[in-house]
Amino acid sequence: MLDITSYQASGMVFVGSEHCQWWPGSPLGNQNPHLWLGSVVLILVYVIFFLSIIRRKRKRTGSETKDAMAIDGYTGHLASKQKYFINKLAVLEEKMNKGEISPREYAKLHAQYEGMLSEINDKLAEFNYLKGE
């Protein structure tokens, strides 16, 4: 049996004799140091594995990606267009009540604005559905 105190370095300088002499006097001296090394390596592998899973989930959900920022920008644009057409309908209603436009012209413009607003609402609903909101 090899005695740790009589250890001689074999030309490989990875572990020196001083290191091997310190292990028996340490609090873990009655345990195999290779089991500790294996445990630490195993823990590091699991940490890297779970961090990669978290990173993939973030990419899959679209958070912190250029595509998500582009979609958010487009939905913001659609929301501003929605407000614009709602205001146009309100102004059109006021003009009709004041008699500035004819009922026929009112009906034509109202149908156009409602059609545009309906398309915008459909697109916004679709984006919100895709985003899971």
Protein backbone atom coordinates (compact mmCIF):
# COMPACT_ATOMS: atom_id res chain seq x y z
CA MET A 1 0.00 0.00 0.00
CA LEU A 2 1.22 3.47 -0.85
CA ASP A 3 1.72 5.82 2.08
CA ILE A 4 0.88 9.43 1.32
CA THR A 5 3.78 10.72 3.43
CA SER A 6 6.24 8.80 1.25
CA TYR A 7 4.81 10.20 -2.00
CA GLN A 8 7.37 11.24 -4.62
CA ALA A 9 6.43 13.39 -7.61
CA SER A 10 6.68 11.47 -10.86
CA GLY A 11 7.82 14.30 -13.07
CA MET A 12 4.27 15.51 -13.61
CA VAL A 13 3.87 18.68 -11.65
CA PHE A 14 0.08 18.68 -11.43
CA VAL A 15 -0.01 17.58 -7.78
CA GLY A 16 2.98 18.13 -5.55
CA SER A 17 3.98 16.13 -2.50
CA GLU A 18 3.09 19.06 -0.21
CA HIS A 19 -0.48 18.96 -1.39
CA CYS A 20 -0.80 15.24 -0.73
CA GLN A 21 0.62 15.71 2.75
CA TRP A 22 -1.94 18.39 3.63
CA TRP A 23 -4.99 16.28 2.81
CA PRO A 24 -4.70 13.80 5.75
CA GLY A 25 -4.54 16.69 8.23
CA SER A 26 -7.58 18.46 6.77
CA PRO A 27 -11.11 18.06 8.16
CA LEU A 28 -11.94 15.90 5.12
CA GLY A 29 -8.78 13.79 5.49
CA ASN A 30 -10.68 10.56 6.08
CA GLN A 31 -12.53 10.85 2.73
CA ASN A 32 -11.40 10.25 -0.83
CA PRO A 33 -10.45 13.56 -2.52
CA HIS A 34 -11.50 12.21 -5.93
CA LEU A 35 -15.10 11.89 -4.75
CA TRP A 36 -15.07 15.56 -3.77
CA LEU A 37 -13.61 16.55 -7.13
CA GLY A 38 -16.24 14.45 -8.93
CA SER A 39 -19.02 16.03 -6.87
CA VAL A 40 -17.86 19.56 -7.67
CA VAL A 41 -17.59 18.75 -11.38
CA LEU A 42 -21.05 17.18 -11.34
CA ILE A 43 -22.54 20.25 -9.66
CA LEU A 44 -20.91 22.53 -12.25
CA VAL A 45 -22.32 20.42 -15.09
CA TYR A 46 -25.84 20.64 -13.60
CA VAL A 47 -25.56 24.41 -13.12
CA ILE A 48 -24.45 24.91 -16.72
CA PHE A 49 -27.25 22.63 -17.93
CA PHE A 50 -29.98 24.50 -16.03
CA LEU A 51 -28.64 27.89 -17.07
CA SER A 52 -28.78 26.80 -20.70
CA ILE A 53 -32.40 25.67 -20.23
CA ILE A 54 -33.32 29.06 -18.77
CA ARG A 55 -31.58 30.86 -21.62
CA ARG A 56 -33.41 28.77 -24.24
CA LYS A 57 -36.76 29.46 -22.57
CA ARG A 58 -36.08 33.19 -22.65
CA LYS A 59 -35.25 33.03 -26.33
CA ARG A 60 -38.31 30.89 -27.05
CA THR A 61 -40.68 33.28 -25.26
CA GLY A 62 -39.20 36.20 -27.17
CA SER A 63 -37.97 38.24 -24.23
CA GLU A 64 -34.84 40.28 -24.88
CA THR A 65 -34.77 39.64 -28.63
CA LYS A 66 -34.77 42.00 -31.59
CA ASP A 67 -37.88 40.32 -32.95
CA ALA A 68 -39.76 40.98 -29.72
CA MET A 69 -38.71 44.63 -29.77
CA ALA A 70 -39.83 44.91 -33.41
CA ILE A 71 -43.19 43.34 -32.56
CA ASP A 72 -43.62 45.67 -29.60
CA GLY A 73 -42.80 48.62 -31.87
CA TYR A 74 -45.36 47.47 -34.44
CA THR A 75 -48.06 46.94 -31.81
CA GLY A 76 -47.29 50.42 -30.48
CA HIS A 77 -47.73 51.76 -34.02
CA LEU A 78 -51.04 49.92 -34.34
CA ALA A 79 -52.20 51.32 -30.99
CA SER A 80 -51.42 54.87 -32.14
CA LYS A 81 -53.33 54.26 -35.38
CA GLN A 82 -56.22 52.91 -33.32
CA LYS A 83 -56.32 56.12 -31.27
CA TYR A 84 -56.10 58.17 -34.46
CA PHE A 85 -59.16 56.50 -36.01
CA ILE A 86 -61.12 56.72 -32.76
CA ASN A 87 -60.43 60.47 -32.75
CA LYS A 88 -61.37 60.71 -36.43
CA LEU A 89 -64.72 59.04 -35.66
CA ALA A 90 -65.33 61.51 -32.83
CA VAL A 91 -64.51 64.47 -35.07
CA LEU A 92 -66.73 63.04 -37.81
CA GLU A 93 -69.59 62.72 -35.30
CA GLU A 94 -69.13 66.36 -34.27
CA LYS A 95 -69.12 67.53 -37.89
CA MET A 96 -72.30 65.58 -38.56
CA ASN A 97 -74.02 67.07 -35.51
CA LYS A 98 -72.97 70.60 -36.57
CA GLY A 99 -74.23 70.00 -40.10
CA GLU A 100 -70.81 70.52 -41.72
CA ILE A 101 -71.09 67.29 -43.75
CA SER A 102 -73.99 65.53 -45.38
CA PRO A 103 -75.44 62.29 -43.99
CA ARG A 104 -74.31 60.46 -47.11
CA GLU A 105 -70.72 61.68 -46.73
CA TYR A 106 -70.89 60.89 -43.01
CA ALA A 107 -72.01 57.32 -43.71
CA LYS A 108 -69.26 56.83 -46.29
CA LEU A 109 -66.46 58.17 -44.04
CA HIS A 110 -67.85 56.40 -40.97
CA ALA A 111 -67.82 53.07 -42.79
CA GLN A 112 -64.21 53.65 -43.97
CA TYR A 113 -62.99 54.61 -40.48
CA GLU A 114 -64.85 51.73 -38.87
CA GLY A 115 -63.37 49.30 -41.41
CA MET A 116 -59.83 50.55 -40.74
CA LEU A 117 -60.42 50.46 -36.98
CA SER A 118 -61.78 46.92 -37.24
CA GLU A 119 -58.66 45.77 -39.14
CA ILE A 120 -56.38 47.39 -36.56
CA ASN A 121 -58.31 45.81 -33.68
CA ASP A 122 -58.06 42.39 -35.36
CA LYS A 123 -54.29 42.73 -35.80
CA LEU A 124 -53.85 43.89 -32.21
CA ALA A 125 -55.95 41.00 -30.93
CA GLU A 126 -53.87 38.56 -32.98
CA PHE A 127 -50.59 39.95 -31.64
CA ASN A 128 -51.89 39.87 -28.09
CA TYR A 129 -53.01 36.28 -28.57
CA LEU A 130 -49.59 35.30 -29.93
CA LYS A 131 -47.84 37.05 -27.04
CA GLY A 132 -50.10 35.23 -24.58
CA GLU A 133 -51.76 38.30 -23.12
